[in-house]
Amino acid sequence: MSSSIDSNGVATSTQVSLLSNEGPGVLIVVVTPALLVALPLLLRGAQASYRSRVVIAVILGVLVVLGALSIGLFFVPTLIAMIVSISAQSTTRSAPTSSPRRGS
């Protein structure tokens, strides 16, 4: 948002969207976290999915740190969601399985 006052003392303010200000190239930066988080859904097997989630969490962490002064903070919710996803999957993987009793 920018504001200006003309010679008559009339104040005007305008709002510019990120897309109109930066151009269509900014969509790549904005969509990248969502695409990274969706990647494990395409993989088959729990082990491959778990490893990809860990790698993607590290990549998102790097993006947050590198872009912390600008758009990086907007990646934090995606990073938190990926960490929760890793925690939930590792809890499921380490949970003991019950076996049916014999001779009951």
PDB file of N, CA and C in Angstrom:
ATOM      1  N   MET A   1       0.844  -1.168   0.000  1.00  0.00           N
ATOM      2  CA  MET A   1       0.000   0.000   0.000  1.00  0.00           C
ATOM      3  C   MET A   1       0.890   1.231   0.000  1.00  0.00           C
ATOM      4  N   SER A   2       0.559   2.163  -0.868  1.00  0.00           N
ATOM      5  CA  SER A   2       1.317   3.409  -0.898  1.00  0.00           C
ATOM      6  C   SER A   2       0.345   4.572  -0.774  1.00  0.00           C
ATOM      7  N   SER A   3       0.826   5.613  -0.140  1.00  0.00           N
ATOM      8  CA  SER A   3       0.003   6.808   0.067  1.00  0.00           C
ATOM      9  C   SER A   3       0.743   8.018  -0.473  1.00  0.00           C
ATOM     10  N   SER A   4      -0.030   8.984  -0.951  1.00  0.00           N
ATOM     11  CA  SER A   4       0.570  10.233  -1.425  1.00  0.00           C
ATOM     12  C   SER A   4      -0.397  11.375  -1.166  1.00  0.00           C
ATOM     13  N   ILE A   5       0.163  12.567  -1.050  1.00  0.00           N
ATOM     14  CA  ILE A   5      -0.630  13.784  -0.848  1.00  0.00           C
ATOM     15  C   ILE A   5      -0.274  14.741  -1.972  1.00  0.00           C
ATOM     16  N   ASP A   6      -1.303  15.182  -2.694  1.00  0.00           N
ATOM     17  CA  ASP A   6      -1.032  16.089  -3.809  1.00  0.00           C
ATOM     18  C   ASP A   6      -0.921  17.528  -3.310  1.00  0.00           C
ATOM     19  N   SER A   7      -0.706  18.473  -4.231  1.00  0.00           N
ATOM     20  CA  SER A   7      -0.500  19.874  -3.865  1.00  0.00           C
ATOM     21  C   SER A   7      -1.729  20.510  -3.236  1.00  0.00           C
ATOM     22  N   ASN A   8      -2.905  19.944  -3.452  1.00  0.00           N
ATOM     23  CA  ASN A   8      -4.131  20.469  -2.849  1.00  0.00           C
ATOM     24  C   ASN A   8      -4.384  19.880  -1.463  1.00  0.00           C
ATOM     25  N   GLY A   9      -3.526  19.003  -1.002  1.00  0.00           N
ATOM     26  CA  GLY A   9      -3.681  18.399   0.312  1.00  0.00           C
ATOM     27  C   GLY A   9      -4.588  17.175   0.311  1.00  0.00           C
ATOM     28  N   VAL A  10      -4.893  16.672  -0.877  1.00  0.00           N
ATOM     29  CA  VAL A  10      -5.748  15.490  -0.974  1.00  0.00           C
ATOM     30  C   VAL A  10      -4.872  14.245  -0.894  1.00  0.00           C
ATOM     31  N   ALA A  11      -5.211  13.393   0.056  1.00  0.00           N
ATOM     32  CA  ALA A  11      -4.445  12.165   0.242  1.00  0.00           C
ATOM     33  C   ALA A  11      -5.082  11.035  -0.561  1.00  0.00           C
ATOM     34  N   THR A  12      -4.246  10.286  -1.245  1.00  0.00           N
ATOM     35  CA  THR A  12      -4.720   9.111  -1.974  1.00  0.00           C
ATOM     36  C   THR A  12      -3.852   7.922  -1.580  1.00  0.00           C
ATOM     37  N   SER A  13      -4.476   6.785  -1.526  1.00  0.00           N
ATOM     38  CA  SER A  13      -3.717   5.571  -1.230  1.00  0.00           C
ATOM     39  C   SER A  13      -4.111   4.504  -2.231  1.00  0.00           C
ATOM     40  N   THR A  14      -3.141   3.707  -2.602  1.00  0.00           N
ATOM     41  CA  THR A  14      -3.382   2.629  -3.561  1.00  0.00           C
ATOM     42  C   THR A  14      -2.802   1.341  -2.999  1.00  0.00           C
ATOM     43  N   GLN A  15      -3.447   0.239  -3.344  1.00  0.00           N
ATOM     44  CA  GLN A  15      -2.952  -1.072  -2.963  1.00  0.00           C
ATOM     45  C   GLN A  15      -2.573  -1.825  -4.232  1.00  0.00           C
ATOM     46  N   VAL A  16      -1.419  -2.458  -4.185  1.00  0.00           N
ATOM     47  CA  VAL A  16      -0.925  -3.210  -5.315  1.00  0.00           C
ATOM     48  C   VAL A  16      -0.735  -4.655  -4.861  1.00  0.00           C
ATOM     49  N   SER A  17      -1.220  -5.608  -5.653  1.00  0.00           N
ATOM     50  CA  SER A  17      -1.063  -7.009  -5.293  1.00  0.00           C
ATOM     51  C   SER A  17       0.362  -7.474  -5.578  1.00  0.00           C
ATOM     52  N   LEU A  18       0.744  -8.559  -4.932  1.00  0.00           N
ATOM     53  CA  LEU A  18       2.063  -9.127  -5.149  1.00  0.00           C
ATOM     54  C   LEU A  18       2.247  -9.528  -6.611  1.00  0.00           C
ATOM     55  N   LEU A  19       1.201 -10.108  -7.196  1.00  0.00           N
ATOM     56  CA  LEU A  19       1.272 -10.547  -8.584  1.00  0.00           C
ATOM     57  C   LEU A  19       1.453  -9.371  -9.535  1.00  0.00           C
ATOM     58  N   SER A  20       0.712  -8.293  -9.328  1.00  0.00           N
ATOM     59  CA  SER A  20       0.849  -7.144 -10.227  1.00  0.00           C
ATOM     60  C   SER A  20       2.157  -6.394  -9.993  1.00  0.00           C
ATOM     61  N   ASN A  21       2.678  -6.456  -8.779  1.00  0.00           N
ATOM     62  CA  ASN A  21       3.917  -5.756  -8.475  1.00  0.00           C
ATOM     63  C   ASN A  21       5.146  -6.535  -8.950  1.00  0.00           C
ATOM     64  N   GLU A  22       5.157  -7.852  -8.745  1.00  0.00           N
ATOM     65  CA  GLU A  22       6.336  -8.657  -9.051  1.00  0.00           C
ATOM     66  C   GLU A  22       6.250  -9.417 -10.371  1.00  0.00           C
ATOM     67  N   GLY A  23       5.058  -9.586 -10.899  1.00  0.00           N
ATOM     68  CA  GLY A  23       4.894 -10.318 -12.154  1.00  0.00           C
ATOM     69  C   GLY A  23       4.610 -11.793 -11.922  1.00  0.00           C
ATOM     70  N   PRO A  24       4.316 -12.522 -12.995  1.00  0.00           N
ATOM     71  CA  PRO A  24       3.925 -13.926 -12.865  1.00  0.00           C
ATOM     72  C   PRO A  24       5.030 -14.843 -12.336  1.00  0.00           C
ATOM     73  N   GLY A  25       6.264 -14.430 -12.376  1.00  0.00           N
ATOM     74  CA  GLY A  25       7.363 -15.246 -11.865  1.00  0.00           C
ATOM     75  C   GLY A  25       7.263 -15.510 -10.374  1.00  0.00           C
ATOM     76  N   VAL A  26       6.562 -14.662  -9.658  1.00  0.00           N
ATOM     77  CA  VAL A  26       6.415 -14.838  -8.217  1.00  0.00           C
ATOM     78  C   VAL A  26       5.540 -16.049  -7.882  1.00  0.00           C
ATOM     79  N   LEU A  27       4.722 -16.486  -8.820  1.00  0.00           N
ATOM     80  CA  LEU A  27       3.869 -17.650  -8.575  1.00  0.00           C
ATOM     81  C   LEU A  27       4.701 -18.908  -8.327  1.00  0.00           C
ATOM     82  N   ILE A  28       5.846 -19.014  -8.956  1.00  0.00           N
ATOM     83  CA  ILE A  28       6.727 -20.162  -8.739  1.00  0.00           C
ATOM     84  C   ILE A  28       7.178 -20.200  -7.279  1.00  0.00           C
ATOM     85  N   VAL A  29       7.544 -19.057  -6.757  1.00  0.00           N
ATOM     86  CA  VAL A  29       8.003 -18.973  -5.371  1.00  0.00           C
ATOM     87  C   VAL A  29       6.868 -19.280  -4.400  1.00  0.00           C
ATOM     88  N   VAL A  30       5.680 -18.833  -4.708  1.00  0.00           N
ATOM     89  CA  VAL A  30       4.545 -19.011  -3.807  1.00  0.00           C
ATOM     90  C   VAL A  30       4.010 -20.446  -3.845  1.00  0.00           C
ATOM     91  N   VAL A  31       4.043 -21.083  -5.004  1.00  0.00           N
ATOM     92  CA  VAL A  31       3.467 -22.415  -5.158  1.00  0.00           C
ATOM     93  C   VAL A  31       4.442 -23.524  -4.742  1.00  0.00           C
ATOM     94  N   THR A  32       5.729 -23.250  -4.705  1.00  0.00           N
ATOM     95  CA  THR A  32       6.739 -24.262  -4.400  1.00  0.00           C
ATOM     96  C   THR A  32       6.472 -25.019  -3.092  1.00  0.00           C
ATOM     97  N   PRO A  33       6.175 -24.358  -1.974  1.00  0.00           N
ATOM     98  CA  PRO A  33       5.931 -25.117  -0.739  1.00  0.00           C
ATOM     99  C   PRO A  33       4.748 -26.074  -0.852  1.00  0.00           C
ATOM    100  N   ALA A  34       3.688 -25.669  -1.499  1.00  0.00           N
ATOM    101  CA  ALA A  34       2.523 -26.546  -1.643  1.00  0.00           C
ATOM    102  C   ALA A  34       2.856 -27.758  -2.500  1.00  0.00           C
ATOM    103  N   LEU A  35       3.621 -27.563  -3.547  1.00  0.00           N
ATOM    104  CA  LEU A  35       4.015 -28.691  -4.389  1.00  0.00           C
ATOM    105  C   LEU A  35       4.958 -29.635  -3.656  1.00  0.00           C
ATOM    106  N   LEU A  36       5.870 -29.081  -2.863  1.00  0.00           N
ATOM    107  CA  LEU A  36       6.783 -29.925  -2.092  1.00  0.00           C
ATOM    108  C   LEU A  36       6.023 -30.783  -1.084  1.00  0.00           C
ATOM    109  N   VAL A  37       5.056 -30.191  -0.416  1.00  0.00           N
ATOM    110  CA  VAL A  37       4.293 -30.920   0.595  1.00  0.00           C
ATOM    111  C   VAL A  37       3.428 -31.998  -0.052  1.00  0.00           C
ATOM    112  N   ALA A  38       2.965 -31.781  -1.259  1.00  0.00           N
ATOM    113  CA  ALA A  38       2.119 -32.763  -1.938  1.00  0.00           C
ATOM    114  C   ALA A  38       2.931 -33.932  -2.511  1.00  0.00           C
ATOM    115  N   LEU A  39       4.224 -33.778  -2.668  1.00  0.00           N
ATOM    116  CA  LEU A  39       5.058 -34.808  -3.281  1.00  0.00           C
ATOM    117  C   LEU A  39       4.981 -36.172  -2.584  1.00  0.00           C
ATOM    118  N   PRO A  40       5.044 -36.269  -1.253  1.00  0.00           N
ATOM    119  CA  PRO A  40       4.960 -37.591  -0.613  1.00  0.00           C
ATOM    120  C   PRO A  40       3.655 -38.332  -0.893  1.00  0.00           C
ATOM    121  N   LEU A  41       2.609 -37.624  -1.246  1.00  0.00           N
ATOM    122  CA  LEU A  41       1.344 -38.276  -1.561  1.00  0.00           C
ATOM    123  C   LEU A  41       1.442 -39.106  -2.840  1.00  0.00           C
ATOM    124  N   LEU A  42       2.380 -38.768  -3.697  1.00  0.00           N
ATOM    125  CA  LEU A  42       2.546 -39.483  -4.960  1.00  0.00           C
ATOM    126  C   LEU A  42       3.431 -40.714  -4.841  1.00  0.00           C
ATOM    127  N   LEU A  43       4.165 -40.823  -3.744  1.00  0.00           N
ATOM    128  CA  LEU A  43       5.104 -41.936  -3.580  1.00  0.00           C
ATOM    129  C   LEU A  43       4.415 -43.141  -2.965  1.00  0.00           C
ATOM    130  N   ARG A  44       4.848 -44.290  -3.375  1.00  0.00           N
ATOM    131  CA  ARG A  44       4.298 -45.538  -2.828  1.00  0.00           C
ATOM    132  C   ARG A  44       5.263 -46.083  -1.777  1.00  0.00           C
ATOM    133  N   GLY A  45       4.705 -46.638  -0.741  1.00  0.00           N
ATOM    134  CA  GLY A  45       5.513 -47.231   0.316  1.00  0.00           C
ATOM    135  C   GLY A  45       5.744 -46.265   1.448  1.00  0.00           C
ATOM    136  N   ALA A  46       5.611 -46.784   2.652  1.00  0.00           N
ATOM    137  CA  ALA A  46       5.755 -45.938   3.841  1.00  0.00           C
ATOM    138  C   ALA A  46       7.174 -45.421   4.002  1.00  0.00           C
ATOM    139  N   GLN A  47       8.168 -46.254   3.693  1.00  0.00           N
ATOM    140  CA  GLN A  47       9.563 -45.847   3.864  1.00  0.00           C
ATOM    141  C   GLN A  47       9.923 -44.702   2.913  1.00  0.00           C
ATOM    142  N   ALA A  48       9.531 -44.809   1.652  1.00  0.00           N
ATOM    143  CA  ALA A  48       9.816 -43.745   0.679  1.00  0.00           C
ATOM    144  C   ALA A  48       9.093 -42.471   1.066  1.00  0.00           C
ATOM    145  N   SER A  49       7.865 -42.599   1.526  1.00  0.00           N
ATOM    146  CA  SER A  49       7.089 -41.435   1.927  1.00  0.00           C
ATOM    147  C   SER A  49       7.724 -40.750   3.130  1.00  0.00           C
ATOM    148  N   TYR A  50       8.165 -41.539   4.115  1.00  0.00           N
ATOM    149  CA  TYR A  50       8.787 -40.973   5.314  1.00  0.00           C
ATOM    150  C   TYR A  50      10.081 -40.247   4.965  1.00  0.00           C
ATOM    151  N   ARG A  51      10.912 -40.884   4.156  1.00  0.00           N
ATOM    152  CA  ARG A  51      12.177 -40.250   3.762  1.00  0.00           C
ATOM    153  C   ARG A  51      11.936 -38.973   2.985  1.00  0.00           C
ATOM    154  N   SER A  52      10.974 -38.987   2.084  1.00  0.00           N
ATOM    155  CA  SER A  52      10.699 -37.776   1.305  1.00  0.00           C
ATOM    156  C   SER A  52      10.173 -36.663   2.199  1.00  0.00           C
ATOM    157  N   ARG A  53       9.387 -36.997   3.209  1.00  0.00           N
ATOM    158  CA  ARG A  53       8.894 -35.965   4.136  1.00  0.00           C
ATOM    159  C   ARG A  53      10.036 -35.322   4.903  1.00  0.00           C
ATOM    160  N   VAL A  54      10.999 -36.135   5.326  1.00  0.00           N
ATOM    161  CA  VAL A  54      12.144 -35.585   6.051  1.00  0.00           C
ATOM    162  C   VAL A  54      12.959 -34.670   5.144  1.00  0.00           C
ATOM    163  N   VAL A  55      13.229 -35.124   3.922  1.00  0.00           N
ATOM    164  CA  VAL A  55      13.999 -34.311   2.970  1.00  0.00           C
ATOM    165  C   VAL A  55      13.269 -33.004   2.664  1.00  0.00           C
ATOM    166  N   ILE A  56      11.955 -33.093   2.469  1.00  0.00           N
ATOM    167  CA  ILE A  56      11.175 -31.892   2.153  1.00  0.00           C
ATOM    168  C   ILE A  56      11.133 -30.947   3.343  1.00  0.00           C
ATOM    169  N   ALA A  57      11.057 -31.475   4.554  1.00  0.00           N
ATOM    170  CA  ALA A  57      11.088 -30.614   5.748  1.00  0.00           C
ATOM    171  C   ALA A  57      12.410 -29.862   5.831  1.00  0.00           C
ATOM    172  N   VAL A  58      13.505 -30.529   5.491  1.00  0.00           N
ATOM    173  CA  VAL A  58      14.807 -29.864   5.492  1.00  0.00           C
ATOM    174  C   VAL A  58      14.847 -28.774   4.420  1.00  0.00           C
ATOM    175  N   ILE A  59      14.346 -29.087   3.228  1.00  0.00           N
ATOM    176  CA  ILE A  59      14.321 -28.089   2.145  1.00  0.00           C
ATOM    177  C   ILE A  59      13.470 -26.890   2.549  1.00  0.00           C
ATOM    178  N   LEU A  60      12.303 -27.134   3.127  1.00  0.00           N
ATOM    179  CA  LEU A  60      11.452 -26.023   3.568  1.00  0.00           C
ATOM    180  C   LEU A  60      12.133 -25.208   4.664  1.00  0.00           C
ATOM    181  N   GLY A  61      12.837 -25.888   5.554  1.00  0.00           N
ATOM    182  CA  GLY A  61      13.576 -25.164   6.595  1.00  0.00           C
ATOM    183  C   GLY A  61      14.629 -24.240   6.004  1.00  0.00           C
ATOM    184  N   VAL A  62      15.317 -24.731   4.983  1.00  0.00           N
ATOM    185  CA  VAL A  62      16.325 -23.896   4.301  1.00  0.00           C
ATOM    186  C   VAL A  62      15.648 -22.699   3.621  1.00  0.00           C
ATOM    187  N   LEU A  63      14.503 -22.945   2.968  1.00  0.00           N
ATOM    188  CA  LEU A  63      13.780 -21.845   2.318  1.00  0.00           C
ATOM    189  C   LEU A  63      13.314 -20.805   3.328  1.00  0.00           C
ATOM    190  N   VAL A  64      12.877 -21.252   4.496  1.00  0.00           N
ATOM    191  CA  VAL A  64      12.447 -20.314   5.541  1.00  0.00           C
ATOM    192  C   VAL A  64      13.621 -19.457   5.983  1.00  0.00           C
ATOM    193  N   VAL A  65      14.767 -20.083   6.211  1.00  0.00           N
ATOM    194  CA  VAL A  65      15.938 -19.336   6.673  1.00  0.00           C
ATOM    195  C   VAL A  65      16.431 -18.377   5.594  1.00  0.00           C
ATOM    196  N   LEU A  66      16.536 -18.862   4.353  1.00  0.00           N
ATOM    197  CA  LEU A  66      17.038 -18.003   3.273  1.00  0.00           C
ATOM    198  C   LEU A  66      16.111 -16.824   2.989  1.00  0.00           C
ATOM    199  N   GLY A  67      14.813 -17.057   3.096  1.00  0.00           N
ATOM    200  CA  GLY A  67      13.869 -15.998   2.786  1.00  0.00           C
ATOM    201  C   GLY A  67      13.270 -15.328   4.007  1.00  0.00           C
ATOM    202  N   ALA A  68      13.907 -15.480   5.170  1.00  0.00           N
ATOM    203  CA  ALA A  68      13.338 -14.987   6.420  1.00  0.00           C
ATOM    204  C   ALA A  68      13.063 -13.481   6.406  1.00  0.00           C
ATOM    205  N   LEU A  69      13.857 -12.740   5.693  1.00  0.00           N
ATOM    206  CA  LEU A  69      13.666 -11.291   5.688  1.00  0.00           C
ATOM    207  C   LEU A  69      12.603 -10.833   4.696  1.00  0.00           C
ATOM    208  N   SER A  70      12.129 -11.741   3.848  1.00  0.00           N
ATOM    209  CA  SER A  70      11.103 -11.336   2.889  1.00  0.00           C
ATOM    210  C   SER A  70       9.922 -12.296   2.959  1.00  0.00           C
ATOM    211  N   ILE A  71       9.860 -13.242   2.054  1.00  0.00           N
ATOM    212  CA  ILE A  71       8.690 -14.108   1.945  1.00  0.00           C
ATOM    213  C   ILE A  71       8.851 -15.417   2.726  1.00  0.00           C
ATOM    214  N   GLY A  72      10.016 -15.672   3.282  1.00  0.00           N
ATOM    215  CA  GLY A  72      10.300 -16.922   3.972  1.00  0.00           C
ATOM    216  C   GLY A  72       9.386 -17.224   5.139  1.00  0.00           C
ATOM    217  N   LEU A  73       8.949 -16.206   5.842  1.00  0.00           N
ATOM    218  CA  LEU A  73       8.072 -16.431   6.990  1.00  0.00           C
ATOM    219  C   LEU A  73       6.719 -16.992   6.579  1.00  0.00           C
ATOM    220  N   PHE A  74       6.327 -16.792   5.331  1.00  0.00           N
ATOM    221  CA  PHE A  74       5.066 -17.359   4.850  1.00  0.00           C
ATOM    222  C   PHE A  74       5.179 -18.870   4.638  1.00  0.00           C
ATOM    223  N   PHE A  75       6.411 -19.395   4.600  1.00  0.00           N
ATOM    224  CA  PHE A  75       6.615 -20.835   4.466  1.00  0.00           C
ATOM    225  C   PHE A  75       6.514 -21.560   5.806  1.00  0.00           C
ATOM    226  N   VAL A  76       6.545 -20.834   6.912  1.00  0.00           N
ATOM    227  CA  VAL A  76       6.550 -21.459   8.241  1.00  0.00           C
ATOM    228  C   VAL A  76       5.338 -22.361   8.476  1.00  0.00           C
ATOM    229  N   PRO A  77       4.098 -21.959   8.139  1.00  0.00           N
ATOM    230  CA  PRO A  77       2.981 -22.888   8.349  1.00  0.00           C
ATOM    231  C   PRO A  77       3.126 -24.193   7.564  1.00  0.00           C
ATOM    232  N   THR A  78       3.667 -24.115   6.371  1.00  0.00           N
ATOM    233  CA  THR A  78       3.891 -25.318   5.577  1.00  0.00           C
ATOM    234  C   THR A  78       4.959 -26.189   6.237  1.00  0.00           C
ATOM    235  N   LEU A  79       5.995 -25.580   6.756  1.00  0.00           N
ATOM    236  CA  LEU A  79       7.047 -26.321   7.451  1.00  0.00           C
ATOM    237  C   LEU A  79       6.492 -27.003   8.697  1.00  0.00           C
ATOM    238  N   ILE A  80       5.681 -26.289   9.447  1.00  0.00           N
ATOM    239  CA  ILE A  80       5.067 -26.868  10.652  1.00  0.00           C
ATOM    240  C   ILE A  80       4.171 -28.047  10.279  1.00  0.00           C
ATOM    241  N   ALA A  81       3.393 -27.906   9.221  1.00  0.00           N
ATOM    242  CA  ALA A  81       2.520 -28.998   8.780  1.00  0.00           C
ATOM    243  C   ALA A  81       3.342 -30.226   8.384  1.00  0.00           C
ATOM    244  N   MET A  82       4.467 -30.020   7.728  1.00  0.00           N
ATOM    245  CA  MET A  82       5.301 -31.148   7.333  1.00  0.00           C
ATOM    246  C   MET A  82       5.928 -31.816   8.547  1.00  0.00           C
ATOM    247  N   ILE A  83       6.352 -31.035   9.531  1.00  0.00           N
ATOM    248  CA  ILE A  83       6.928 -31.615  10.750  1.00  0.00           C
ATOM    249  C   ILE A  83       5.878 -32.420  11.513  1.00  0.00           C
ATOM    250  N   VAL A  84       4.655 -31.903  11.588  1.00  0.00           N
ATOM    251  CA  VAL A  84       3.566 -32.643  12.230  1.00  0.00           C
ATOM    252  C   VAL A  84       3.298 -33.938  11.472  1.00  0.00           C
ATOM    253  N   SER A  85       3.336 -33.875  10.164  1.00  0.00           N
ATOM    254  CA  SER A  85       3.126 -35.062   9.340  1.00  0.00           C
ATOM    255  C   SER A  85       4.202 -36.115   9.592  1.00  0.00           C
ATOM    256  N   ILE A  86       5.447 -35.677   9.715  1.00  0.00           N
ATOM    257  CA  ILE A  86       6.542 -36.604  10.005  1.00  0.00           C
ATOM    258  C   ILE A  86       6.345 -37.223  11.383  1.00  0.00           C
ATOM    259  N   SER A  87       5.987 -36.400  12.357  1.00  0.00           N
ATOM    260  CA  SER A  87       5.777 -36.901  13.717  1.00  0.00           C
ATOM    261  C   SER A  87       4.638 -37.902  13.771  1.00  0.00           C
ATOM    262  N   ALA A  88       3.559 -37.612  13.084  1.00  0.00           N
ATOM    263  CA  ALA A  88       2.411 -38.519  13.077  1.00  0.00           C
ATOM    264  C   ALA A  88       2.770 -39.830  12.408  1.00  0.00           C
ATOM    265  N   GLN A  89       3.523 -39.773  11.332  1.00  0.00           N
ATOM    266  CA  GLN A  89       3.893 -41.001  10.634  1.00  0.00           C
ATOM    267  C   GLN A  89       4.893 -41.807  11.447  1.00  0.00           C
ATOM    268  N   SER A  90       5.837 -41.150  12.117  1.00  0.00           N
ATOM    269  CA  SER A  90       6.811 -41.899  12.911  1.00  0.00           C
ATOM    270  C   SER A  90       6.153 -42.502  14.138  1.00  0.00           C
ATOM    271  N   THR A  91       5.138 -41.848  14.704  1.00  0.00           N
ATOM    272  CA  THR A  91       4.396 -42.406  15.828  1.00  0.00           C
ATOM    273  C   THR A  91       3.638 -43.646  15.379  1.00  0.00           C
ATOM    274  N   THR A  92       3.048 -43.572  14.203  1.00  0.00           N
ATOM    275  CA  THR A  92       2.313 -44.712  13.662  1.00  0.00           C
ATOM    276  C   THR A  92       3.260 -45.871  13.378  1.00  0.00           C
ATOM    277  N   ARG A  93       4.443 -45.572  12.871  1.00  0.00           N
ATOM    278  CA  ARG A  93       5.412 -46.610  12.544  1.00  0.00           C
ATOM    279  C   ARG A  93       5.944 -47.292  13.789  1.00  0.00           C
ATOM    280  N   SER A  94       6.101 -46.550  14.898  1.00  0.00           N
ATOM    281  CA  SER A  94       6.692 -47.134  16.094  1.00  0.00           C
ATOM    282  C   SER A  94       5.656 -47.724  17.044  1.00  0.00           C
ATOM    283  N   ALA A  95       4.376 -47.567  16.753  1.00  0.00           N
ATOM    284  CA  ALA A  95       3.338 -48.103  17.628  1.00  0.00           C
ATOM    285  C   ALA A  95       3.354 -49.632  17.564  1.00  0.00           C
ATOM    286  N   PRO A  96       3.277 -50.269  18.737  1.00  0.00           N
ATOM    287  CA  PRO A  96       3.287 -51.726  18.735  1.00  0.00           C
ATOM    288  C   PRO A  96       1.997 -52.271  18.144  1.00  0.00           C
ATOM    289  N   THR A  97       2.130 -53.377  17.458  1.00  0.00           N
ATOM    290  CA  THR A  97       0.949 -54.001  16.884  1.00  0.00           C
ATOM    291  C   THR A  97       0.516 -55.135  17.789  1.00  0.00           C
ATOM    292  N   SER A  98      -0.758 -55.271  17.964  1.00  0.00           N
ATOM    293  CA  SER A  98      -1.263 -56.351  18.816  1.00  0.00           C
ATOM    294  C   SER A  98      -1.530 -57.566  17.961  1.00  0.00           C
ATOM    295  N   SER A  99      -1.177 -58.711  18.496  1.00  0.00           N
ATOM    296  CA  SER A  99      -1.427 -59.954  17.769  1.00  0.00           C
ATOM    297  C   SER A  99      -2.506 -60.730  18.509  1.00  0.00           C
ATOM    298  N   PRO A 100      -3.320 -61.463  17.771  1.00  0.00           N
ATOM    299  CA  PRO A 100      -4.398 -62.202  18.425  1.00  0.00           C
ATOM    300  C   PRO A 100      -3.822 -63.297  19.326  1.00  0.00           C
ATOM    301  N   ARG A 101      -4.485 -63.537  20.450  1.00  0.00           N
ATOM    302  CA  ARG A 101      -4.048 -64.562  21.399  1.00  0.00           C
ATOM    303  C   ARG A 101      -4.417 -65.939  20.881  1.00  0.00           C
ATOM    304  N   ARG A 102      -3.541 -66.865  21.199  1.00  0.00           N
ATOM    305  CA  ARG A 102      -3.822 -68.245  20.822  1.00  0.00           C
ATOM    306  C   ARG A 102      -4.316 -69.008  22.045  1.00  0.00           C
ATOM    307  N   GLY A 103      -5.229 -69.893  21.797  1.00  0.00           N
ATOM    308  CA  GLY A 103      -5.712 -70.763  22.849  1.00  0.00           C
ATOM    309  C   GLY A 103      -6.664 -70.117  23.823  1.00  0.00           C
ATOM    310  N   SER A 104      -7.340 -69.030  23.445  1.00  0.00           N
ATOM    311  CA  SER A 104      -8.257 -68.388  24.360  1.00  0.00           C
ATOM    312  C   SER A 104      -9.616 -68.992  24.268  1.00  0.00           C
TER     313      SER A 104
END
